[in-house]
Structure formats: structure tokens, C-alpha cells
N, C-alpha and C. Protein backbone atom coordinates (compact mmCIF):
# COMPACT_ATOMS: atom_id res chain seq x y z
N MET A 1 18.25 16.23 -75.97
CA MET A 1 17.55 15.80 -74.71
C MET A 1 17.73 17.62 -74.43
N ASP A 2 18.73 17.31 -73.97
CA ASP A 2 19.44 19.04 -73.26
C ASP A 2 18.32 20.30 -73.95
N ILE A 3 18.49 20.29 -75.43
CA ILE A 3 17.82 21.36 -76.11
C ILE A 3 16.25 20.99 -75.75
N ILE A 4 15.33 19.66 -75.59
CA ILE A 4 14.27 19.75 -75.93
C ILE A 4 13.54 19.96 -73.96
N VAL A 5 14.80 19.49 -73.17
CA VAL A 5 14.55 20.03 -71.62
C VAL A 5 14.20 21.32 -72.17
N SER A 6 15.59 22.42 -72.54
CA SER A 6 15.57 23.87 -72.60
C SER A 6 14.27 24.65 -72.63
N PHE A 7 13.51 24.00 -73.70
CA PHE A 7 12.64 25.13 -74.96
C PHE A 7 11.32 24.61 -73.65
N LEU A 8 11.71 23.43 -73.57
CA LEU A 8 10.19 22.72 -72.38
C LEU A 8 9.56 24.18 -71.16
N ALA A 9 11.34 24.01 -70.55
CA ALA A 9 11.23 24.73 -69.53
C ALA A 9 10.62 26.63 -69.77
N ALA A 10 11.52 27.06 -70.51
CA ALA A 10 11.77 28.26 -71.46
C ALA A 10 9.78 28.44 -71.69
N VAL A 11 9.24 27.70 -71.99
CA VAL A 11 7.49 27.73 -72.44
C VAL A 11 7.02 27.56 -71.31
N LEU A 12 7.34 26.72 -70.26
CA LEU A 12 6.21 27.05 -68.98
C LEU A 12 7.41 28.57 -67.77
N ALA A 13 8.35 28.65 -68.30
CA ALA A 13 8.42 29.69 -67.46
C ALA A 13 7.70 31.17 -68.59
N GLY A 14 7.26 31.14 -69.42
CA GLY A 14 6.83 31.56 -70.06
C GLY A 14 5.51 32.11 -69.82
N THR A 15 4.54 30.91 -69.43
CA THR A 15 3.50 30.71 -69.04
C THR A 15 3.01 30.62 -67.57
N GLY A 16 4.31 31.27 -66.49
CA GLY A 16 4.04 31.37 -65.41
C GLY A 16 4.57 30.41 -64.61
N VAL A 17 4.91 28.97 -65.33
CA VAL A 17 5.06 27.74 -64.10
C VAL A 17 5.93 27.66 -63.52
N GLY A 18 6.77 28.27 -63.86
CA GLY A 18 8.07 28.35 -62.75
C GLY A 18 9.01 27.41 -63.84
N GLY A 19 9.46 27.38 -64.92
CA GLY A 19 10.57 26.31 -66.03
C GLY A 19 11.52 26.27 -64.90
N GLY A 20 11.74 27.55 -63.81
CA GLY A 20 13.49 27.21 -64.23
C GLY A 20 13.80 26.31 -62.92
N GLY A 21 12.45 26.24 -61.62
CA GLY A 21 12.65 25.41 -60.61
C GLY A 21 12.43 24.00 -62.03
N LEU A 22 12.19 23.39 -62.87
CA LEU A 22 11.82 22.37 -63.25
C LEU A 22 13.21 22.35 -64.14
N LEU A 23 13.67 23.43 -64.72
CA LEU A 23 14.94 22.97 -64.73
C LEU A 23 16.64 22.85 -64.24
N ILE A 24 16.29 23.66 -62.88
CA ILE A 24 17.29 22.43 -62.12
C ILE A 24 17.07 21.41 -61.35
N ILE A 25 15.74 20.79 -61.75
CA ILE A 25 15.71 19.43 -60.67
C ILE A 25 16.26 18.60 -61.99
N TYR A 26 15.81 18.80 -63.30
CA TYR A 26 16.34 18.17 -64.55
C TYR A 26 17.67 18.37 -64.53
N LEU A 27 18.68 19.59 -63.93
CA LEU A 27 20.68 20.28 -64.32
C LEU A 27 20.44 19.07 -63.10
N SER A 28 20.08 18.78 -61.69
CA SER A 28 20.79 17.79 -60.70
C SER A 28 20.70 16.91 -61.02
N ALA A 29 18.96 15.76 -61.29
CA ALA A 29 18.91 14.65 -60.68
C ALA A 29 19.18 14.23 -62.73
N VAL A 30 18.90 14.43 -63.27
CA VAL A 30 19.29 13.97 -64.81
C VAL A 30 20.89 14.10 -65.10
N LYS A 31 21.13 15.89 -65.20
CA LYS A 31 22.50 15.36 -65.37
C LYS A 31 23.61 15.51 -64.46
N ASN A 32 23.52 15.20 -63.50
CA ASN A 32 24.19 15.05 -61.78
C ASN A 32 25.09 15.83 -61.64
N LEU A 33 24.79 18.07 -62.08
CA LEU A 33 25.74 19.13 -61.73
C LEU A 33 25.32 19.17 -60.33
N SER A 34 26.15 20.01 -59.83
CA SER A 34 26.79 20.80 -58.53
C SER A 34 25.34 21.38 -58.15
N GLN A 35 24.81 21.51 -57.49
CA GLN A 35 23.79 22.67 -56.75
C GLN A 35 23.54 24.05 -57.24
N LEU A 36 25.00 24.16 -56.98
CA LEU A 36 25.89 25.71 -57.01
C LEU A 36 25.49 25.91 -59.10
N ALA A 37 26.18 25.10 -59.16
CA ALA A 37 25.99 24.48 -61.33
C ALA A 37 24.64 24.99 -60.95
N CYS A 38 23.71 24.68 -60.97
CA CYS A 38 22.83 24.17 -61.20
C CYS A 38 21.74 26.01 -61.13
N GLN A 39 22.17 26.28 -59.66
CA GLN A 39 21.41 27.65 -59.72
C GLN A 39 22.16 28.85 -60.87
N GLY A 40 23.54 28.90 -61.08
CA GLY A 40 24.70 29.44 -61.53
C GLY A 40 23.48 29.39 -63.02
N ILE A 41 23.55 28.07 -63.93
CA ILE A 41 22.76 27.97 -64.96
C ILE A 41 21.68 28.61 -65.15
N ASN A 42 20.56 28.29 -64.40
CA ASN A 42 19.21 28.31 -64.45
C ASN A 42 19.56 30.60 -63.99
N LEU A 43 20.15 31.16 -63.05
CA LEU A 43 19.77 32.92 -63.06
C LEU A 43 20.81 33.16 -64.74
N ALA A 44 21.19 32.36 -65.26
CA ALA A 44 22.20 32.81 -67.05
C ALA A 44 20.14 32.53 -68.00
N PHE A 45 20.00 31.46 -67.58
CA PHE A 45 18.32 31.01 -68.00
C PHE A 45 17.56 32.65 -67.64
N PHE A 46 17.25 32.95 -66.81
CA PHE A 46 16.25 33.65 -66.35
C PHE A 46 16.34 34.91 -67.02
N GLU A 47 18.03 35.59 -66.93
CA GLU A 47 18.76 36.70 -67.11
C GLU A 47 18.78 36.69 -68.82
N SER A 48 18.07 35.98 -69.97
CA SER A 48 18.58 35.82 -71.11
C SER A 48 17.17 36.32 -71.56
N GLY A 49 15.72 35.33 -70.33
CA GLY A 49 14.59 35.45 -71.08
C GLY A 49 14.11 37.19 -70.38
N ALA A 50 14.90 37.83 -69.69
CA ALA A 50 14.18 38.89 -69.11
C ALA A 50 15.48 39.65 -69.73
N LEU A 51 16.13 39.92 -70.38
CA LEU A 51 17.15 40.97 -71.09
C LEU A 51 16.70 40.97 -73.08
N SER A 52 15.94 39.44 -73.22
CA SER A 52 15.15 39.98 -74.83
C SER A 52 14.02 40.19 -74.51
N ALA A 53 12.98 40.28 -73.08
CA ALA A 53 11.88 40.88 -73.43
C ALA A 53 11.84 42.91 -72.86
N LEU A 54 13.16 43.10 -72.66
CA LEU A 54 13.35 44.70 -71.72
C LEU A 54 13.15 45.35 -73.19
N PRO A 55 13.60 45.10 -74.43
CA PRO A 55 13.53 45.86 -75.12
C PRO A 55 11.75 46.33 -75.71
N ILE A 56 10.97 45.29 -75.50
CA ILE A 56 9.08 45.37 -75.68
C ILE A 56 8.92 46.67 -74.41
N HIS A 57 9.28 46.03 -73.45
CA HIS A 57 8.84 46.50 -72.09
C HIS A 57 9.45 48.44 -72.58
N ILE A 58 10.50 49.04 -72.98
CA ILE A 58 10.95 50.01 -73.25
C ILE A 58 10.26 50.95 -74.02
N ARG A 59 9.40 50.08 -74.75
CA ARG A 59 9.28 50.06 -76.49
C ARG A 59 7.65 50.81 -75.77
N HIS A 60 7.50 49.85 -75.09
CA HIS A 60 6.05 50.50 -74.84
C HIS A 60 5.75 51.45 -72.80
N ARG A 61 7.34 51.45 -72.86
CA ARG A 61 6.81 52.69 -71.44
C ARG A 61 6.74 51.89 -70.46
N ASN A 62 6.66 50.91 -70.46
CA ASN A 62 7.03 49.79 -69.42
C ASN A 62 7.26 49.61 -68.12
N TYR A 63 8.15 50.39 -67.14
CA TYR A 63 8.52 50.84 -66.61
C TYR A 63 8.74 52.38 -65.88
N LYS A 64 9.82 51.89 -64.12
CA LYS A 64 9.72 53.29 -64.01
C LYS A 64 11.46 53.25 -63.60
N TRP A 65 11.64 53.46 -63.84
CA TRP A 65 13.19 53.51 -63.65
C TRP A 65 14.35 53.33 -61.82
N GLY A 66 13.30 54.17 -61.70
CA GLY A 66 13.55 54.66 -59.80
C GLY A 66 13.46 52.89 -59.65
N ALA A 67 12.73 52.31 -60.23
CA ALA A 67 12.57 50.68 -59.34
C ALA A 67 13.33 49.85 -60.02
N VAL A 68 13.87 49.96 -61.34
CA VAL A 68 14.55 49.18 -61.40
C VAL A 68 15.63 49.32 -61.27
N LEU A 69 16.73 50.83 -60.77
CA LEU A 69 17.55 51.21 -60.61
C LEU A 69 18.38 50.50 -58.57
N THR A 70 16.94 50.50 -58.58
CA THR A 70 16.95 49.79 -56.94
C THR A 70 16.97 48.49 -56.82
N LEU A 71 15.81 47.57 -57.79
CA LEU A 71 15.55 46.34 -57.75
C LEU A 71 16.83 46.02 -58.18
N GLY A 72 17.43 46.25 -59.17
CA GLY A 72 19.17 45.66 -59.72
C GLY A 72 19.85 46.09 -59.01
N ILE A 73 20.30 47.16 -58.25
CA ILE A 73 21.26 47.00 -57.10
C ILE A 73 20.92 46.09 -56.18
N ALA A 74 20.30 46.46 -55.43
CA ALA A 74 19.32 44.99 -54.12
C ALA A 74 19.66 43.86 -54.98
N GLY A 75 18.97 43.69 -56.46
CA GLY A 75 19.38 41.79 -56.72
C GLY A 75 20.92 41.63 -56.72
N LEU A 76 21.59 43.37 -57.80
CA LEU A 76 23.27 42.02 -57.44
C LEU A 76 23.48 41.81 -56.15
N PHE A 77 23.32 42.96 -54.98
CA PHE A 77 23.58 41.96 -53.42
C PHE A 77 23.43 41.49 -53.21
N GLY A 78 22.23 41.43 -53.78
CA GLY A 78 21.43 39.89 -52.66
C GLY A 78 22.25 38.64 -53.61
N ALA A 79 22.30 38.49 -55.01
CA ALA A 79 23.02 37.57 -55.84
C ALA A 79 24.78 37.38 -54.75
N LEU A 80 25.10 38.36 -54.97
CA LEU A 80 26.51 38.08 -54.09
C LEU A 80 26.90 37.40 -53.03
N ILE A 81 25.83 38.28 -51.85
CA ILE A 81 25.77 37.20 -50.26
C ILE A 81 25.04 35.77 -51.15
N GLY A 82 24.29 35.77 -51.49
CA GLY A 82 23.76 34.51 -51.67
C GLY A 82 24.85 33.21 -52.60
N PHE A 83 25.47 33.41 -53.39
CA PHE A 83 26.30 32.80 -53.83
C PHE A 83 27.82 33.07 -52.98
N THR A 84 27.83 34.14 -52.09
CA THR A 84 28.43 33.52 -50.89
C THR A 84 28.45 32.38 -49.71
N VAL A 85 27.25 32.66 -49.37
CA VAL A 85 26.43 31.76 -48.56
C VAL A 85 26.15 30.78 -48.85
N ALA A 86 25.82 30.36 -50.22
CA ALA A 86 25.44 28.83 -51.37
C ALA A 86 26.85 28.09 -51.79
N GLU A 87 28.05 29.06 -51.08
CA GLU A 87 29.72 28.54 -51.42
C GLU A 87 29.88 27.97 -50.53
N LYS A 88 29.75 28.46 -49.19
CA LYS A 88 30.16 28.08 -47.60
C LYS A 88 29.09 27.25 -47.09
N LEU A 89 27.57 26.56 -47.96
CA LEU A 89 27.43 25.67 -47.48
C LEU A 89 27.66 24.74 -48.40
N GLY A 90 28.05 24.53 -48.69
CA GLY A 90 28.17 23.41 -49.81
C GLY A 90 27.21 22.38 -50.19
N SER A 91 27.74 22.08 -51.04
CA SER A 91 26.61 21.34 -52.41
C SER A 91 25.81 20.81 -51.74
N ASP A 92 26.00 19.60 -50.97
CA ASP A 92 24.98 18.28 -50.07
C ASP A 92 23.98 19.92 -49.64
N VAL A 93 24.11 20.38 -48.49
CA VAL A 93 23.91 21.46 -47.67
C VAL A 93 22.16 21.66 -49.28
N LEU A 94 23.23 22.61 -49.67
CA LEU A 94 22.33 23.45 -50.54
C LEU A 94 21.53 22.26 -51.14
N LYS A 95 21.59 21.50 -51.44
CA LYS A 95 20.82 20.78 -52.68
C LYS A 95 19.64 20.36 -51.48
N TYR A 96 19.84 20.07 -50.57
CA TYR A 96 18.28 19.81 -49.92
C TYR A 96 17.72 21.04 -49.49
N VAL A 97 18.40 22.47 -48.84
CA VAL A 97 17.63 23.27 -48.90
C VAL A 97 17.16 23.70 -50.01
N VAL A 98 17.10 23.72 -51.10
CA VAL A 98 16.31 23.99 -52.82
C VAL A 98 15.58 22.65 -52.60
N GLY A 99 15.48 21.72 -52.33
CA GLY A 99 14.20 20.60 -52.08
C GLY A 99 13.48 21.15 -50.93
N VAL A 100 14.13 21.46 -50.12
CA VAL A 100 12.90 21.74 -49.29
C VAL A 100 12.30 22.85 -49.48
N PHE A 101 12.89 24.21 -50.04
CA PHE A 101 12.21 25.04 -50.50
C PHE A 101 10.87 24.83 -51.73
N PHE A 102 11.18 23.80 -52.67
CA PHE A 102 10.74 23.17 -53.65
C PHE A 102 9.19 22.52 -53.16
N VAL A 103 9.83 21.90 -51.74
CA VAL A 103 8.30 21.64 -51.06
C VAL A 103 7.61 21.65 -50.80
N LEU A 104 7.67 22.62 -49.92
CA LEU A 104 6.93 24.37 -49.41
C LEU A 104 6.34 25.06 -50.50
N THR A 105 7.25 24.93 -51.50
CA THR A 105 6.26 26.41 -52.16
C THR A 105 5.19 25.55 -52.83
N GLY A 106 5.59 24.22 -53.31
CA GLY A 106 4.29 22.97 -54.01
C GLY A 106 2.87 22.64 -52.95
N ILE A 107 3.78 22.52 -51.42
CA ILE A 107 1.98 22.65 -50.68
C ILE A 107 1.74 24.14 -50.17
N ARG A 108 2.08 25.25 -50.51
CA ARG A 108 1.64 26.33 -50.39
C ARG A 108 0.70 26.57 -51.64
N GLU A 109 1.28 26.22 -52.71
CA GLU A 109 0.53 26.18 -53.89
C GLU A 109 -0.52 25.20 -53.76
N LEU A 110 -0.59 24.50 -53.76
CA LEU A 110 -1.88 23.52 -53.72
C LEU A 110 -2.54 24.13 -52.60
N PHE A 111 -2.79 24.58 -51.49
CA PHE A 111 -3.88 25.54 -50.67
C PHE A 111 -3.64 26.52 -51.08
N LYS A 112 -3.46 27.01 -51.97
CA LYS A 112 -3.75 28.29 -52.53
C LYS A 112 -5.40 28.55 -53.17
N LYS A 113 -5.97 29.70 -52.64
CA LYS A 113 -6.77 29.79 -52.76
C LYS A 113 -6.99 30.37 -54.24
N PRO A 114 -7.71 30.29 -55.73
CA PRO A 114 -7.83 31.23 -56.94
C PRO A 114 -7.82 32.26 -57.19
N GLN A 115 -7.07 33.64 -57.32
CA GLN A 115 -7.37 34.66 -57.92
C GLN A 115 -8.05 34.68 -59.04
N LYS A 116 -9.32 35.84 -58.74
CA LYS A 116 -10.04 36.52 -60.25
C LYS A 116 -8.94 36.72 -60.64
N SER A 117 -9.72 37.00 -62.15
CA SER A 117 -8.48 37.72 -62.97
C SER A 117 -9.23 39.07 -63.04
N GLN A 118 -7.41 40.08 -63.39
CA GLN A 118 -7.83 41.40 -63.36
C GLN A 118 -8.13 41.94 -65.03
N LYS A 119 -8.97 42.60 -65.14
CA LYS A 119 -8.86 42.39 -66.39
C LYS A 119 -8.76 43.81 -66.69
N ASN A 120 -8.31 44.45 -67.21
CA ASN A 120 -7.41 46.00 -68.06
C ASN A 120 -8.18 47.25 -68.58
């Protein structure tokens, strides 16, 4: 079951649906993992996808090193601060915060106007 869910989450993430969010729901609701563990697994899930896409982006010169370094350093500090705050909040509060975030994001997406596709 875990392999099927991981595969489906990866497919959805690759299409832009947000498979990571679905993975968190599965891990917390079905596997009964702590929220902090779910988010750590989700981060590893995302990073493996990002790292596998990196050689393609480098080959096609689809990057700006200044942005890569700036965002990488900011992301590292943000992750450390987020982990520290999440650890202090505790799993129950963190689960509630993540749930509220998912609901608010879903409501926003329901009322969001579709964007016209841009052709290159």
C-alpha cells in the first residue's frame, strides 16, 4: 500500500496537483505518524524529486546561480527555523495548524480564477 500511495503522490506532484500534501494526509491519518515525522518524510520526498530534475535543468541551462544560492541558503535557514518552531509546538498543535492550512488553501483554490496558459 505504501508503494502505491508513494507512486500516486509522485505522479500528482509531477503534474502540479500537490502530491506532497496528500502524502502528509496519508502518513498522518493512515500510518498514524507524528506530524513532524510526516513533514520530514514529505521534505525528503520533495527533495528527491528536485534533485533528480537538477541535471536536466543544468543541461538545458535553465537556472540562475545567484537565485539558486540565495534561495538555497534562505531555504536552509527557513527549514531550521521551521523545524525548531514545529518541535516546540508539539505534534497535536502542529497537526491542527497544518490542517487549517490545507483547508484555507483548498478554499482559496476553489475561488481562484483560472489563468490563461502562456505559450512560449
